[in-house]
């Protein structure tokens, strides 16, 4: 974040992945993105589970929760708005916390430059299979 803000020209927008744990960073908007199928796993904090801190602490600094759906399921539901009704209840989200729905659906334009090229795909995410499904 420091390097980006020191750049010339200074960026107007800085989007960080995994930035919720950086408490000293001043934000205009904080989104908690969760896997719509996996949700919070066993709801435990590292090393016993996937969370870096208790959900309640994270939600206290979050403006909205985004339920991210797998690309394959998004394509199947294209054109229809869908959020599994139990996500809010399963997460125990307060009623006033906005719950948004999103999906990653690659377009032909986004991969056109890779056609015929050798490529190596790597994912450091908690569920790398989701990343590889998106590539397919």
C-alpha atoms as a PDB file:
ATOM      1  CA  UNK A   1       0.000   0.000   0.000  1.00  0.00           C
ATOM      2  CA  UNK A   2       2.861   2.393   0.848  1.00  0.00           C
ATOM      3  CA  UNK A   3       4.557   1.779  -2.493  1.00  0.00           C
ATOM      4  CA  UNK A   4       1.328   2.369  -4.405  1.00  0.00           C
ATOM      5  CA  UNK A   5       0.637   5.600  -2.533  1.00  0.00           C
ATOM      6  CA  UNK A   6       4.207   6.808  -3.109  1.00  0.00           C
ATOM      7  CA  UNK A   7       3.925   6.244  -6.854  1.00  0.00           C
ATOM      8  CA  UNK A   8       3.755   9.163  -9.249  1.00  0.00           C
ATOM      9  CA  UNK A   9       1.068   9.835 -10.218  1.00  0.00           C
ATOM     10  CA  UNK A  10      -0.665   8.819  -6.994  1.00  0.00           C
ATOM     11  CA  UNK A  11      -3.483   6.343  -7.532  1.00  0.00           C
ATOM     12  CA  UNK A  12      -7.056   7.485  -6.897  1.00  0.00           C
ATOM     13  CA  UNK A  13      -8.098   3.988  -5.902  1.00  0.00           C
ATOM     14  CA  UNK A  14      -6.284   1.218  -4.071  1.00  0.00           C
ATOM     15  CA  UNK A  15      -7.899  -2.209  -3.893  1.00  0.00           C
ATOM     16  CA  UNK A  16      -6.319  -4.642  -1.459  1.00  0.00           C
ATOM     17  CA  UNK A  17      -6.868  -8.345  -1.155  1.00  0.00           C
ATOM     18  CA  UNK A  18      -6.625  -9.529   2.434  1.00  0.00           C
ATOM     19  CA  UNK A  19      -6.450  -5.957   3.732  1.00  0.00           C
ATOM     20  CA  UNK A  20      -8.900  -6.300   6.628  1.00  0.00           C
ATOM     21  CA  UNK A  21      -6.111  -7.352   8.977  1.00  0.00           C
ATOM     22  CA  UNK A  22      -4.140  -4.154   8.341  1.00  0.00           C
ATOM     23  CA  UNK A  23      -5.766  -2.136  11.124  1.00  0.00           C
ATOM     24  CA  UNK A  24      -3.691   1.031  10.594  1.00  0.00           C
ATOM     25  CA  UNK A  25      -4.765   1.371   6.954  1.00  0.00           C
ATOM     26  CA  UNK A  26      -7.381   4.105   6.502  1.00  0.00           C
ATOM     27  CA  UNK A  27     -10.264   2.901   4.326  1.00  0.00           C
ATOM     28  CA  UNK A  28     -13.297   4.320   2.617  1.00  0.00           C
ATOM     29  CA  UNK A  29     -14.938   0.924   2.151  1.00  0.00           C
ATOM     30  CA  UNK A  30     -14.268  -2.554   3.548  1.00  0.00           C
ATOM     31  CA  UNK A  31     -15.801  -5.632   1.949  1.00  0.00           C
ATOM     32  CA  UNK A  32     -15.639  -9.105   3.433  1.00  0.00           C
ATOM     33  CA  UNK A  33     -15.722 -11.573   0.539  1.00  0.00           C
ATOM     34  CA  UNK A  34     -16.712 -15.130   1.406  1.00  0.00           C
ATOM     35  CA  UNK A  35     -17.113 -18.300  -0.632  1.00  0.00           C
ATOM     36  CA  UNK A  36     -20.872 -18.850  -0.973  1.00  0.00           C
ATOM     37  CA  UNK A  37     -20.458 -22.629  -0.608  1.00  0.00           C
ATOM     38  CA  UNK A  38     -17.625 -22.952   1.912  1.00  0.00           C
ATOM     39  CA  UNK A  39     -18.785 -19.958   3.970  1.00  0.00           C
ATOM     40  CA  UNK A  40     -16.441 -19.838   6.981  1.00  0.00           C
ATOM     41  CA  UNK A  41     -15.393 -23.478   7.096  1.00  0.00           C
ATOM     42  CA  UNK A  42     -15.362 -24.661  10.712  1.00  0.00           C
ATOM     43  CA  UNK A  43     -15.537 -20.993  11.909  1.00  0.00           C
ATOM     44  CA  UNK A  44     -12.302 -21.406  13.887  1.00  0.00           C
ATOM     45  CA  UNK A  45      -9.288 -19.121  13.886  1.00  0.00           C
ATOM     46  CA  UNK A  46      -5.872 -20.226  12.596  1.00  0.00           C
ATOM     47  CA  UNK A  47      -4.304 -22.743  13.128  1.00  0.00           C
ATOM     48  CA  UNK A  48      -7.489 -24.695  13.951  1.00  0.00           C
ATOM     49  CA  UNK A  49      -9.488 -23.202  11.078  1.00  0.00           C
ATOM     50  CA  UNK A  50      -9.437 -20.833   8.099  1.00  0.00           C
ATOM     51  CA  UNK A  51     -10.177 -17.539   9.885  1.00  0.00           C
ATOM     52  CA  UNK A  52      -7.476 -15.012  10.768  1.00  0.00           C
ATOM     53  CA  UNK A  53      -9.612 -13.513  13.531  1.00  0.00           C
ATOM     54  CA  UNK A  54     -13.082 -14.077  14.988  1.00  0.00           C
ATOM     55  CA  UNK A  55     -15.886 -13.144  12.588  1.00  0.00           C
ATOM     56  CA  UNK A  56     -17.398 -10.667  15.052  1.00  0.00           C
ATOM     57  CA  UNK A  57     -14.169  -8.625  15.092  1.00  0.00           C
ATOM     58  CA  UNK A  58     -13.967  -8.631  11.295  1.00  0.00           C
ATOM     59  CA  UNK A  59     -17.624  -7.614  10.931  1.00  0.00           C
ATOM     60  CA  UNK A  60     -17.069  -4.642  13.233  1.00  0.00           C
ATOM     61  CA  UNK A  61     -14.794  -3.167  10.503  1.00  0.00           C
ATOM     62  CA  UNK A  62     -16.801  -4.372   7.493  1.00  0.00           C
ATOM     63  CA  UNK A  63     -19.226  -2.264   5.442  1.00  0.00           C
ATOM     64  CA  UNK A  64     -20.749  -5.176   3.506  1.00  0.00           C
ATOM     65  CA  UNK A  65     -20.375  -8.921   2.994  1.00  0.00           C
ATOM     66  CA  UNK A  66     -20.014 -10.273  -0.543  1.00  0.00           C
ATOM     67  CA  UNK A  67     -20.980 -13.913  -1.171  1.00  0.00           C
ATOM     68  CA  UNK A  68     -18.830 -15.027  -4.102  1.00  0.00           C
ATOM     69  CA  UNK A  69     -20.249 -17.819  -6.214  1.00  0.00           C
ATOM     70  CA  UNK A  70     -18.308 -20.285  -8.357  1.00  0.00           C
ATOM     71  CA  UNK A  71     -18.092 -19.377 -12.038  1.00  0.00           C
ATOM     72  CA  UNK A  72     -19.717 -22.623 -13.218  1.00  0.00           C
ATOM     73  CA  UNK A  73     -22.781 -22.041 -11.040  1.00  0.00           C
ATOM     74  CA  UNK A  74     -22.943 -18.395 -12.074  1.00  0.00           C
ATOM     75  CA  UNK A  75     -23.059 -19.339 -15.746  1.00  0.00           C
ATOM     76  CA  UNK A  76     -25.874 -21.794 -15.026  1.00  0.00           C
ATOM     77  CA  UNK A  77     -27.864 -18.988 -13.368  1.00  0.00           C
ATOM     78  CA  UNK A  78     -26.904 -16.247 -15.833  1.00  0.00           C
ATOM     79  CA  UNK A  79     -29.453 -13.482 -15.963  1.00  0.00           C
ATOM     80  CA  UNK A  80     -31.042 -14.397 -12.630  1.00  0.00           C
ATOM     81  CA  UNK A  81     -30.231 -12.855  -9.285  1.00  0.00           C
ATOM     82  CA  UNK A  82     -29.566 -15.570  -6.735  1.00  0.00           C
ATOM     83  CA  UNK A  83     -28.321 -15.600  -3.173  1.00  0.00           C
ATOM     84  CA  UNK A  84     -28.864 -18.729  -1.141  1.00  0.00           C
ATOM     85  CA  UNK A  85     -31.389 -17.543   1.476  1.00  0.00           C
ATOM     86  CA  UNK A  86     -29.552 -19.267   4.310  1.00  0.00           C
ATOM     87  CA  UNK A  87     -26.235 -17.427   3.881  1.00  0.00           C
ATOM     88  CA  UNK A  88     -27.261 -14.587   6.201  1.00  0.00           C
ATOM     89  CA  UNK A  89     -28.473 -17.049   8.822  1.00  0.00           C
ATOM     90  CA  UNK A  90     -25.521 -19.426   8.403  1.00  0.00           C
ATOM     91  CA  UNK A  91     -23.083 -16.557   8.962  1.00  0.00           C
ATOM     92  CA  UNK A  92     -25.159 -14.998  11.715  1.00  0.00           C
ATOM     93  CA  UNK A  93     -25.020 -11.614   9.987  1.00  0.00           C
ATOM     94  CA  UNK A  94     -26.835  -8.727  11.614  1.00  0.00           C
ATOM     95  CA  UNK A  95     -29.879  -7.588   9.641  1.00  0.00           C
ATOM     96  CA  UNK A  96     -28.330  -4.178   8.980  1.00  0.00           C
ATOM     97  CA  UNK A  97     -25.187  -5.683   7.369  1.00  0.00           C
ATOM     98  CA  UNK A  98     -25.563  -5.519   3.577  1.00  0.00           C
ATOM     99  CA  UNK A  99     -25.183  -8.932   1.925  1.00  0.00           C
ATOM    100  CA  UNK A 100     -24.197  -8.726  -1.725  1.00  0.00           C
ATOM    101  CA  UNK A 101     -23.867 -11.447  -4.349  1.00  0.00           C
ATOM    102  CA  UNK A 102     -21.072 -11.681  -6.904  1.00  0.00           C
ATOM    103  CA  UNK A 103     -19.501 -14.142  -9.274  1.00  0.00           C
ATOM    104  CA  UNK A 104     -16.350 -14.354 -11.341  1.00  0.00           C
ATOM    105  CA  UNK A 105     -17.191 -15.182 -14.923  1.00  0.00           C
ATOM    106  CA  UNK A 106     -14.259 -14.795 -17.313  1.00  0.00           C
ATOM    107  CA  UNK A 107     -14.964 -13.435 -20.771  1.00  0.00           C
ATOM    108  CA  UNK A 108     -13.333 -14.478 -24.024  1.00  0.00           C
ATOM    109  CA  UNK A 109     -11.681 -11.044 -24.203  1.00  0.00           C
ATOM    110  CA  UNK A 110      -9.949 -11.599 -20.855  1.00  0.00           C
ATOM    111  CA  UNK A 111      -8.173 -14.722 -22.112  1.00  0.00           C
ATOM    112  CA  UNK A 112      -7.665 -13.821 -25.776  1.00  0.00           C
ATOM    113  CA  UNK A 113      -4.017 -12.832 -25.285  1.00  0.00           C
ATOM    114  CA  UNK A 114      -3.243 -16.269 -23.854  1.00  0.00           C
ATOM    115  CA  UNK A 115      -4.506 -18.215 -26.851  1.00  0.00           C
ATOM    116  CA  UNK A 116      -1.767 -20.576 -28.033  1.00  0.00           C
ATOM    117  CA  UNK A 117       0.566 -19.505 -25.218  1.00  0.00           C
ATOM    118  CA  UNK A 118       2.108 -21.694 -22.549  1.00  0.00           C
ATOM    119  CA  UNK A 119       0.895 -20.582 -19.134  1.00  0.00           C
ATOM    120  CA  UNK A 120       1.383 -21.632 -15.553  1.00  0.00           C
ATOM    121  CA  UNK A 121      -1.564 -21.218 -13.201  1.00  0.00           C
ATOM    122  CA  UNK A 122      -0.874 -20.769  -9.499  1.00  0.00           C
ATOM    123  CA  UNK A 123      -3.236 -20.057  -6.638  1.00  0.00           C
ATOM    124  CA  UNK A 124      -2.361 -19.213  -3.055  1.00  0.00           C
ATOM    125  CA  UNK A 125      -6.005 -19.025  -2.019  1.00  0.00           C
ATOM    126  CA  UNK A 126      -7.683 -21.108   0.655  1.00  0.00           C
ATOM    127  CA  UNK A 127      -9.633 -23.046  -1.974  1.00  0.00           C
ATOM    128  CA  UNK A 128      -7.462 -23.211  -5.097  1.00  0.00           C
ATOM    129  CA  UNK A 129      -9.915 -25.512  -6.868  1.00  0.00           C
ATOM    130  CA  UNK A 130     -12.258 -22.508  -7.290  1.00  0.00           C
ATOM    131  CA  UNK A 131      -9.492 -20.639  -9.113  1.00  0.00           C
ATOM    132  CA  UNK A 132      -8.798 -23.579 -11.428  1.00  0.00           C
ATOM    133  CA  UNK A 133     -12.528 -24.065 -12.125  1.00  0.00           C
ATOM    134  CA  UNK A 134     -12.637 -20.420 -13.248  1.00  0.00           C
ATOM    135  CA  UNK A 135      -9.763 -21.051 -15.654  1.00  0.00           C
ATOM    136  CA  UNK A 136     -11.548 -23.970 -17.265  1.00  0.00           C
END
